[in-house]
PDB file of N, CA and C in Angstrom:
ATOM      1  N   UNK A   1      14.771   4.684  -0.850  1.00  0.00           N
ATOM      2  CA  UNK A   1      16.088   4.851  -1.697  1.00  0.00           C
ATOM      3  C   UNK A   1      16.513   6.314  -1.478  1.00  0.00           C
ATOM      4  N   UNK A   2      15.622   7.228  -1.360  1.00  0.00           N
ATOM      5  CA  UNK A   2      15.971   8.553  -1.140  1.00  0.00           C
ATOM      6  C   UNK A   2      16.564   8.807   0.141  1.00  0.00           C
ATOM      7  N   UNK A   3      16.006   8.128   1.185  1.00  0.00           N
ATOM      8  CA  UNK A   3      16.548   8.310   2.525  1.00  0.00           C
ATOM      9  C   UNK A   3      17.900   7.715   2.646  1.00  0.00           C
ATOM     10  N   UNK A   4      18.107   6.511   2.078  1.00  0.00           N
ATOM     11  CA  UNK A   4      19.447   5.874   2.087  1.00  0.00           C
ATOM     12  C   UNK A   4      20.440   6.732   1.382  1.00  0.00           C
ATOM     13  N   UNK A   5      20.023   7.301   0.194  1.00  0.00           N
ATOM     14  CA  UNK A   5      20.962   8.182  -0.575  1.00  0.00           C
ATOM     15  C   UNK A   5      21.339   9.473   0.289  1.00  0.00           C
ATOM     16  N   UNK A   6      20.388   9.999   1.038  1.00  0.00           N
ATOM     17  CA  UNK A   6      20.723  11.157   1.969  1.00  0.00           C
ATOM     18  C   UNK A   6      21.665  10.826   3.063  1.00  0.00           C
ATOM     19  N   UNK A   7      21.381   9.571   3.574  1.00  0.00           N
ATOM     20  CA  UNK A   7      22.304   9.153   4.681  1.00  0.00           C
ATOM     21  C   UNK A   7      23.723   8.973   4.263  1.00  0.00           C
ATOM     22  N   UNK A   8      23.854   8.269   3.072  1.00  0.00           N
ATOM     23  CA  UNK A   8      25.178   7.948   2.526  1.00  0.00           C
ATOM     24  C   UNK A   8      25.869   9.246   2.168  1.00  0.00           C
ATOM     25  N   UNK A   9      25.123  10.240   1.606  1.00  0.00           N
ATOM     26  CA  UNK A   9      25.574  11.549   1.203  1.00  0.00           C
ATOM     27  C   UNK A   9      26.154  12.227   2.340  1.00  0.00           C
ATOM     28  N   UNK A  10      25.435  12.315   3.518  1.00  0.00           N
ATOM     29  CA  UNK A  10      25.936  12.906   4.756  1.00  0.00           C
ATOM     30  C   UNK A  10      27.115  12.211   5.354  1.00  0.00           C
ATOM     31  N   UNK A  11      27.133  10.982   5.339  1.00  0.00           N
ATOM     32  CA  UNK A  11      28.229  10.143   5.925  1.00  0.00           C
ATOM     33  C   UNK A  11      29.480  10.401   5.021  1.00  0.00           C
ATOM     34  N   UNK A  12      29.321  10.386   3.718  1.00  0.00           N
ATOM     35  CA  UNK A  12      30.474  10.620   2.832  1.00  0.00           C
ATOM     36  C   UNK A  12      31.076  12.035   2.927  1.00  0.00           C
ATOM     37  N   UNK A  13      30.090  13.025   3.192  1.00  0.00           N
ATOM     38  CA  UNK A  13      30.637  14.342   3.366  1.00  0.00           C
ATOM     39  C   UNK A  13      31.309  14.640   4.677  1.00  0.00           C
ATOM     40  N   UNK A  14      30.769  13.931   5.745  1.00  0.00           N
ATOM     41  CA  UNK A  14      31.320  14.219   7.037  1.00  0.00           C
ATOM     42  C   UNK A  14      32.566  13.344   7.360  1.00  0.00           C
ATOM     43  N   UNK A  15      32.522  12.089   7.040  1.00  0.00           N
ATOM     44  CA  UNK A  15      33.653  11.179   7.312  1.00  0.00           C
ATOM     45  C   UNK A  15      34.750  11.199   6.347  1.00  0.00           C
ATOM     46  N   UNK A  16      34.486  11.369   4.979  1.00  0.00           N
ATOM     47  CA  UNK A  16      35.497  11.548   4.159  1.00  0.00           C
ATOM     48  C   UNK A  16      35.645  10.606   2.933  1.00  0.00           C
ATOM     49  N   UNK A  17      35.211   9.378   3.100  1.00  0.00           N
ATOM     50  CA  UNK A  17      35.366   8.486   1.863  1.00  0.00           C
ATOM     51  C   UNK A  17      34.514   9.047   0.651  1.00  0.00           C
ATOM     52  N   UNK A  18      35.214   9.285  -0.365  1.00  0.00           N
ATOM     53  CA  UNK A  18      34.609   9.979  -1.543  1.00  0.00           C
ATOM     54  C   UNK A  18      33.633   9.006  -2.211  1.00  0.00           C
ATOM     55  N   UNK A  19      33.807   7.678  -2.091  1.00  0.00           N
ATOM     56  CA  UNK A  19      32.844   6.781  -2.853  1.00  0.00           C
ATOM     57  C   UNK A  19      31.494   6.788  -2.120  1.00  0.00           C
ATOM     58  N   UNK A  20      31.416   6.969  -0.823  1.00  0.00           N
ATOM     59  CA  UNK A  20      30.153   7.102  -0.113  1.00  0.00           C
ATOM     60  C   UNK A  20      29.479   8.320  -0.535  1.00  0.00           C
ATOM     61  N   UNK A  21      30.113   9.416  -0.733  1.00  0.00           N
ATOM     62  CA  UNK A  21      29.492  10.587  -1.186  1.00  0.00           C
ATOM     63  C   UNK A  21      28.888  10.392  -2.655  1.00  0.00           C
ATOM     64  N   UNK A  22      29.673   9.849  -3.617  1.00  0.00           N
ATOM     65  CA  UNK A  22      29.209   9.569  -4.907  1.00  0.00           C
ATOM     66  C   UNK A  22      28.059   8.596  -4.975  1.00  0.00           C
ATOM     67  N   UNK A  23      28.195   7.483  -4.183  1.00  0.00           N
ATOM     68  CA  UNK A  23      27.103   6.532  -4.063  1.00  0.00           C
ATOM     69  C   UNK A  23      25.831   7.117  -3.514  1.00  0.00           C
ATOM     70  N   UNK A  24      25.856   7.880  -2.495  1.00  0.00           N
ATOM     71  CA  UNK A  24      24.720   8.571  -1.967  1.00  0.00           C
ATOM     72  C   UNK A  24      24.164   9.538  -2.905  1.00  0.00           C
ATOM     73  N   UNK A  25      24.968  10.195  -3.762  1.00  0.00           N
ATOM     74  CA  UNK A  25      24.322  11.152  -4.783  1.00  0.00           C
ATOM     75  C   UNK A  25      23.607  10.397  -5.883  1.00  0.00           C
ATOM     76  N   UNK A  26      24.130   9.258  -6.302  1.00  0.00           N
ATOM     77  CA  UNK A  26      23.594   8.412  -7.227  1.00  0.00           C
ATOM     78  C   UNK A  26      22.223   7.827  -6.834  1.00  0.00           C
ATOM     79  N   UNK A  27      22.223   7.368  -5.588  1.00  0.00           N
ATOM     80  CA  UNK A  27      21.034   6.743  -4.978  1.00  0.00           C
ATOM     81  C   UNK A  27      19.951   7.863  -4.836  1.00  0.00           C
ATOM     82  N   UNK A  28      20.352   9.067  -4.447  1.00  0.00           N
ATOM     83  CA  UNK A  28      19.395  10.200  -4.289  1.00  0.00           C
ATOM     84  C   UNK A  28      18.721  10.493  -5.611  1.00  0.00           C
ATOM     85  N   UNK A  29      19.595  10.677  -6.675  1.00  0.00           N
ATOM     86  CA  UNK A  29      19.067  11.029  -7.983  1.00  0.00           C
ATOM     87  C   UNK A  29      18.089   9.892  -8.478  1.00  0.00           C
ATOM     88  N   UNK A  30      18.558   8.580  -8.440  1.00  0.00           N
ATOM     89  CA  UNK A  30      17.789   7.515  -8.917  1.00  0.00           C
ATOM     90  C   UNK A  30      16.354   7.428  -8.143  1.00  0.00           C
ATOM     91  N   UNK A  31      16.478   7.669  -6.879  1.00  0.00           N
ATOM     92  CA  UNK A  31      15.291   7.626  -6.091  1.00  0.00           C
ATOM     93  C   UNK A  31      14.230   8.767  -6.368  1.00  0.00           C
ATOM     94  N   UNK A  32      14.755   9.882  -6.623  1.00  0.00           N
ATOM     95  CA  UNK A  32      13.929  11.080  -7.035  1.00  0.00           C
ATOM     96  C   UNK A  32      13.310  10.776  -8.438  1.00  0.00           C
ATOM     97  N   UNK A  33      14.131  10.265  -9.331  1.00  0.00           N
ATOM     98  CA  UNK A  33      13.544   9.983 -10.635  1.00  0.00           C
ATOM     99  C   UNK A  33      12.610   8.999 -10.578  1.00  0.00           C
ATOM    100  N   UNK A  34      12.715   7.893  -9.814  1.00  0.00           N
ATOM    101  CA  UNK A  34      11.653   6.811  -9.643  1.00  0.00           C
ATOM    102  C   UNK A  34      10.460   7.313  -9.005  1.00  0.00           C
ATOM    103  N   UNK A  35      10.539   8.282  -8.225  1.00  0.00           N
ATOM    104  CA  UNK A  35       9.328   8.818  -7.509  1.00  0.00           C
ATOM    105  C   UNK A  35       8.557   9.668  -8.361  1.00  0.00           C
ATOM    106  N   UNK A  36       9.167  10.532  -9.310  1.00  0.00           N
ATOM    107  CA  UNK A  36       8.431  11.446 -10.065  1.00  0.00           C
ATOM    108  C   UNK A  36       8.110  10.963 -11.477  1.00  0.00           C
ATOM    109  N   UNK A  37       8.666   9.936 -11.984  1.00  0.00           N
ATOM    110  CA  UNK A  37       8.452   9.445 -13.284  1.00  0.00           C
ATOM    111  C   UNK A  37       7.573   8.151 -13.218  1.00  0.00           C
ATOM    112  N   UNK A  38       6.335   8.197 -13.757  1.00  0.00           N
ATOM    113  CA  UNK A  38       5.407   6.983 -13.649  1.00  0.00           C
ATOM    114  C   UNK A  38       5.987   5.926 -14.552  1.00  0.00           C
ATOM    115  N   UNK A  39       6.227   4.772 -13.910  1.00  0.00           N
ATOM    116  CA  UNK A  39       6.794   3.620 -14.614  1.00  0.00           C
ATOM    117  C   UNK A  39       5.582   2.724 -14.873  1.00  0.00           C
ATOM    118  N   UNK A  40       5.388   2.186 -16.093  1.00  0.00           N
ATOM    119  CA  UNK A  40       4.245   1.257 -16.335  1.00  0.00           C
ATOM    120  C   UNK A  40       3.003   1.993 -16.716  1.00  0.00           C
ATOM    121  N   UNK A  41       3.014   3.353 -17.094  1.00  0.00           N
ATOM    122  CA  UNK A  41       1.905   4.071 -17.433  1.00  0.00           C
ATOM    123  C   UNK A  41       1.320   4.857 -16.296  1.00  0.00           C
ATOM    124  N   UNK A  42       0.402   5.723 -16.620  1.00  0.00           N
ATOM    125  CA  UNK A  42      -0.191   6.670 -15.687  1.00  0.00           C
ATOM    126  C   UNK A  42      -1.351   6.056 -15.060  1.00  0.00           C
ATOM    127  N   UNK A  43      -2.016   5.064 -15.749  1.00  0.00           N
ATOM    128  CA  UNK A  43      -3.403   4.634 -15.201  1.00  0.00           C
ATOM    129  C   UNK A  43      -3.065   3.579 -13.998  1.00  0.00           C
ATOM    130  N   UNK A  44      -3.810   3.691 -12.983  1.00  0.00           N
ATOM    131  CA  UNK A  44      -3.747   2.762 -11.874  1.00  0.00           C
ATOM    132  C   UNK A  44      -4.662   1.577 -12.180  1.00  0.00           C
ATOM    133  N   UNK A  45      -4.247   0.406 -12.059  1.00  0.00           N
ATOM    134  CA  UNK A  45      -5.083  -0.840 -12.348  1.00  0.00           C
ATOM    135  C   UNK A  45      -5.389  -1.499 -10.981  1.00  0.00           C
ATOM    136  N   UNK A  46      -6.610  -1.674 -10.788  1.00  0.00           N
ATOM    137  CA  UNK A  46      -7.031  -2.438  -9.557  1.00  0.00           C
ATOM    138  C   UNK A  46      -7.656  -3.740 -10.052  1.00  0.00           C
ATOM    139  N   UNK A  47      -7.230  -4.863  -9.463  1.00  0.00           N
ATOM    140  CA  UNK A  47      -7.793  -6.153  -9.846  1.00  0.00           C
ATOM    141  C   UNK A  47      -8.540  -6.724  -8.642  1.00  0.00           C
TER     142      UNK A  47
END
């Protein structure tokens, strides 16, 4: 998700559609939050 966000951010900045820039920024932020915040607890469960 972070990679897709960066790609859309670059395309939006270079080509010009503002919606691509905003969408890339949102995807980048959501991807970073999902990487750094443990969802479902911090313990790893192995079954």
